[in-house]
Each structure stands twice: as structure tokens, then as C-alpha cells.
C-alpha atoms as a PDB file:
ATOM      1  CA  MET A   1     -39.053   4.808 -56.007  1.00  0.00           C
ATOM      2  CA  THR A   2     -42.539   5.645 -57.191  1.00  0.00           C
ATOM      3  CA  TYR A   3     -46.035   4.248 -57.229  1.00  0.00           C
ATOM      4  CA  ALA A   4     -48.029   2.938 -60.186  1.00  0.00           C
ATOM      5  CA  VAL A   5     -51.717   2.535 -60.891  1.00  0.00           C
ATOM      6  CA  THR A   6     -52.487  -1.031 -61.976  1.00  0.00           C
ATOM      7  CA  GLU A   7     -55.240  -3.024 -63.687  1.00  0.00           C
ATOM      8  CA  ASN A   8     -57.915  -2.818 -61.036  1.00  0.00           C
ATOM      9  CA  CYS A   9     -58.303   0.925 -61.629  1.00  0.00           C
ATOM     10  CA  ILE A  10     -59.517   0.230 -65.164  1.00  0.00           C
ATOM     11  CA  LYS A  11     -63.256   0.864 -65.418  1.00  0.00           C
ATOM     12  CA  CYS A  12     -63.416   1.793 -61.712  1.00  0.00           C
ATOM     13  CA  LYS A  13     -61.587   5.122 -61.628  1.00  0.00           C
ATOM     14  CA  TYR A  14     -62.012   5.904 -57.959  1.00  0.00           C
ATOM     15  CA  THR A  15     -60.279   9.178 -57.191  1.00  0.00           C
ATOM     16  CA  ASP A  16     -59.877   9.031 -53.421  1.00  0.00           C
ATOM     17  CA  CYS A  17     -56.118   8.878 -54.072  1.00  0.00           C
ATOM     18  CA  VAL A  18     -56.138  12.170 -55.952  1.00  0.00           C
ATOM     19  CA  GLU A  19     -57.420  14.089 -52.948  1.00  0.00           C
ATOM     20  CA  VAL A  20     -54.500  13.111 -50.721  1.00  0.00           C
ATOM     21  CA  CYS A  21     -51.640  13.501 -53.221  1.00  0.00           C
ATOM     22  CA  PRO A  22     -49.460  16.430 -52.100  1.00  0.00           C
ATOM     23  CA  VAL A  23     -47.862  16.906 -55.549  1.00  0.00           C
ATOM     24  CA  ASP A  24     -50.837  16.321 -57.885  1.00  0.00           C
ATOM     25  CA  CYS A  25     -49.093  13.584 -59.868  1.00  0.00           C
ATOM     26  CA  PHE A  26     -52.284  11.830 -61.036  1.00  0.00           C
ATOM     27  CA  TYR A  27     -53.573  11.971 -64.593  1.00  0.00           C
ATOM     28  CA  VAL A  28     -56.985  10.840 -65.799  1.00  0.00           C
ATOM     29  CA  GLY A  29     -58.045   9.025 -68.944  1.00  0.00           C
ATOM     30  CA  GLU A  30     -61.376   7.734 -70.113  1.00  0.00           C
ATOM     31  CA  THR A  31     -61.065   4.434 -68.255  1.00  0.00           C
ATOM     32  CA  MET A  32     -58.426   4.827 -65.534  1.00  0.00           C
ATOM     33  CA  LEU A  33     -55.974   7.017 -63.637  1.00  0.00           C
ATOM     34  CA  VAL A  34     -52.184   6.935 -63.856  1.00  0.00           C
ATOM     35  CA  ILE A  35     -49.335   8.360 -61.791  1.00  0.00           C
ATOM     36  CA  ASN A  36     -46.535  10.345 -63.381  1.00  0.00           C
ATOM     37  CA  PRO A  37     -43.443   8.554 -62.017  1.00  0.00           C
ATOM     38  CA  ASP A  38     -41.305  11.662 -62.522  1.00  0.00           C
ATOM     39  CA  GLU A  39     -43.608  13.710 -60.283  1.00  0.00           C
ATOM     40  CA  CYS A  40     -44.351  11.117 -57.599  1.00  0.00           C
ATOM     41  CA  ILE A  41     -42.400  11.810 -54.399  1.00  0.00           C
ATOM     42  CA  ASP A  42     -42.899   8.307 -52.997  1.00  0.00           C
ATOM     43  CA  CYS A  43     -44.824   9.493 -49.956  1.00  0.00           C
ATOM     44  CA  GLY A  44     -47.229   6.544 -50.175  1.00  0.00           C
ATOM     45  CA  VAL A  45     -50.320   8.368 -48.930  1.00  0.00           C
ATOM     46  CA  CYS A  46     -52.300   7.426 -52.050  1.00  0.00           C
ATOM     47  CA  GLU A  47     -51.900   3.661 -51.748  1.00  0.00           C
ATOM     48  CA  PRO A  48     -54.161   3.051 -48.714  1.00  0.00           C
ATOM     49  CA  GLU A  49     -56.757   5.499 -50.053  1.00  0.00           C
ATOM     50  CA  CYS A  50     -57.513   3.421 -53.168  1.00  0.00           C
ATOM     51  CA  PRO A  51     -60.715   1.433 -52.551  1.00  0.00           C
ATOM     52  CA  ALA A  52     -59.816  -0.884 -55.446  1.00  0.00           C
ATOM     53  CA  ASP A  53     -56.286  -1.615 -54.172  1.00  0.00           C
ATOM     54  CA  ALA A  54     -54.975  -0.584 -57.588  1.00  0.00           C
ATOM     55  CA  ILE A  55     -51.956   1.487 -56.473  1.00  0.00           C
ATOM     56  CA  LYS A  56     -48.713  -0.383 -55.873  1.00  0.00           C
ATOM     57  CA  ALA A  57     -45.154   0.592 -54.947  1.00  0.00           C
ATOM     58  CA  ASP A  58     -42.633   0.009 -57.723  1.00  0.00           C
ATOM     59  CA  THR A  59     -40.723  -2.311 -55.401  1.00  0.00           C
ATOM     60  CA  GLU A  60     -43.386  -4.987 -55.864  1.00  0.00           C
ATOM     61  CA  PRO A  61     -42.425  -7.631 -58.432  1.00  0.00           C
ATOM     62  CA  GLY A  62     -43.951  -7.508 -61.913  1.00  0.00           C
ATOM     63  CA  LEU A  63     -44.726  -3.808 -62.058  1.00  0.00           C
ATOM     64  CA  GLU A  64     -42.296  -2.826 -64.823  1.00  0.00           C
ATOM     65  CA  GLY A  65     -45.015  -2.829 -67.489  1.00  0.00           C
ATOM     66  CA  TRP A  66     -47.347  -0.817 -65.291  1.00  0.00           C
ATOM     67  CA  LEU A  67     -44.653   1.791 -64.688  1.00  0.00           C
ATOM     68  CA  THR A  68     -44.250   2.088 -68.462  1.00  0.00           C
ATOM     69  CA  LEU A  69     -48.011   2.445 -68.959  1.00  0.00           C
ATOM     70  CA  ASN A  70     -48.270   5.064 -66.200  1.00  0.00           C
ATOM     71  CA  ALA A  71     -45.418   7.147 -67.646  1.00  0.00           C
ATOM     72  CA  LYS A  72     -46.797   6.920 -71.189  1.00  0.00           C
ATOM     73  CA  TYR A  73     -50.313   8.048 -70.363  1.00  0.00           C
ATOM     74  CA  ALA A  74     -49.288  10.656 -67.781  1.00  0.00           C
ATOM     75  CA  ALA A  75     -47.657  12.467 -70.703  1.00  0.00           C
ATOM     76  CA  LEU A  76     -50.886  12.315 -72.736  1.00  0.00           C
ATOM     77  CA  TRP A  77     -53.786  12.670 -70.299  1.00  0.00           C
ATOM     78  CA  PRO A  78     -54.850  15.745 -68.273  1.00  0.00           C
ATOM     79  CA  ASN A  79     -53.810  16.229 -64.690  1.00  0.00           C
ATOM     80  CA  ILE A  80     -56.426  15.639 -62.009  1.00  0.00           C
ATOM     81  CA  ALA A  81     -56.180  17.229 -58.574  1.00  0.00           C
ATOM     82  CA  GLU A  82     -59.721  16.933 -57.220  1.00  0.00           C
ATOM     83  CA  LYS A  83     -61.961  13.966 -56.526  1.00  0.00           C
ATOM     84  CA  ILE A  84     -64.598  13.151 -59.134  1.00  0.00           C
ATOM     85  CA  ASP A  85     -67.301  10.497 -59.258  1.00  0.00           C
ATOM     86  CA  PRO A  86     -66.072   6.990 -60.081  1.00  0.00           C
ATOM     87  CA  ALA A  87     -67.208   5.160 -63.188  1.00  0.00           C
ATOM     88  CA  VAL A  88     -70.950   4.510 -63.065  1.00  0.00           C
ATOM     89  CA  ASP A  89     -70.466   0.747 -62.933  1.00  0.00           C
ATOM     90  CA  ALA A  90     -67.256   0.784 -60.880  1.00  0.00           C
ATOM     91  CA  ALA A  91     -68.512  -1.664 -58.265  1.00  0.00           C
ATOM     92  CA  ALA A  92     -69.329  -4.204 -60.971  1.00  0.00           C
ATOM     93  CA  TRP A  93     -65.811  -3.951 -62.453  1.00  0.00           C
ATOM     94  CA  ASP A  94     -63.870  -3.848 -59.181  1.00  0.00           C
ATOM     95  CA  GLY A  95     -61.763  -6.998 -58.853  1.00  0.00           C
ATOM     96  CA  ARG A  96     -62.374  -8.368 -62.348  1.00  0.00           C
ATOM     97  CA  THR A  97     -59.453  -9.742 -64.293  1.00  0.00           C
ATOM     98  CA  GLY A  98     -58.695  -9.183 -67.959  1.00  0.00           C
ATOM     99  CA  LYS A  99     -59.585  -5.498 -67.880  1.00  0.00           C
ATOM    100  CA  LEU A 100     -56.273  -4.438 -69.424  1.00  0.00           C
ATOM    101  CA  GLU A 101     -56.726  -6.635 -72.474  1.00  0.00           C
ATOM    102  CA  ALA A 102     -60.409  -5.734 -72.848  1.00  0.00           C
ATOM    103  CA  THR A 103     -59.637  -2.010 -72.718  1.00  0.00           C
ATOM    104  CA  PHE A 104     -56.245  -1.676 -74.397  1.00  0.00           C
ATOM    105  CA  GLY A 105     -56.250  -4.818 -76.557  1.00  0.00           C
ATOM    106  CA  THR A 106     -53.159  -6.336 -74.944  1.00  0.00           C
ATOM    107  CA  PRO A 107     -52.400  -8.353 -71.796  1.00  0.00           C
ATOM    108  CA  ASP A 108     -49.038  -6.540 -71.520  1.00  0.00           C
ATOM    109  CA  PRO A 109     -49.262  -3.134 -69.807  1.00  0.00           C
ATOM    110  CA  ALA A 110     -46.007  -1.998 -71.448  1.00  0.00           C
ATOM    111  CA  ALA A 111     -47.622  -2.506 -74.878  1.00  0.00           C
ATOM    112  CA  ALA A 112     -50.824  -0.631 -74.031  1.00  0.00           C
END
């Protein structure tokens, strides 16, 4: 089992989760964070720390595409182990829908 970062992280990029991760399995891109599923130890400490409620356990239904997206971009983006400032307009984007398609050009996370 692992955790995955989902759509609500896009354009918010809060990094409270990064600070508590004991294995530094988060990676950061221009618009969001991802979790490397091969590094995640399924401890779950990151999930309640996310102010945007964007981290989900892979046991939740419908996360297959998000697991694919997280694995893909964890291999491409740099590792992040310390908290940084969120996106400037994070509060305005928090909770919006359609962020995946607006950012990656697809409504399917596996195709992003």
C-alpha cells in the first residue's frame, strides 16, 4: 500500500506533508507535489497534515490514475524534504475542480 497526491494539490502545493515524511518520498514540480510509491512506507503521517486534503491512501476507489501520475513524475521531478511556501494563490485554488485538465490538458491522471 502507498499514498498518492491527488488533484487538489495542483496549484496549491502546500508542503506540510513533506516535513513529517520519515523517508522523504515527496517530489516537487512546478504546480504540485507527488509521492514516489516505491519509496512510500505507508505510515500515513502525511495524509492528515495536508491542508488541502489532497493525499489519499491507494485503497480508496478511483486512485489508479493518480498512482500512475505520482510514479511518473516522481521519476522526473526533484526530491523535496523541507517545507517551502505554498503557491502564491493557493487559497484561491484550494477545492476547485478541473485543475488536472487545466494544468495537464487531460481529465485522466494516468494520461497526464
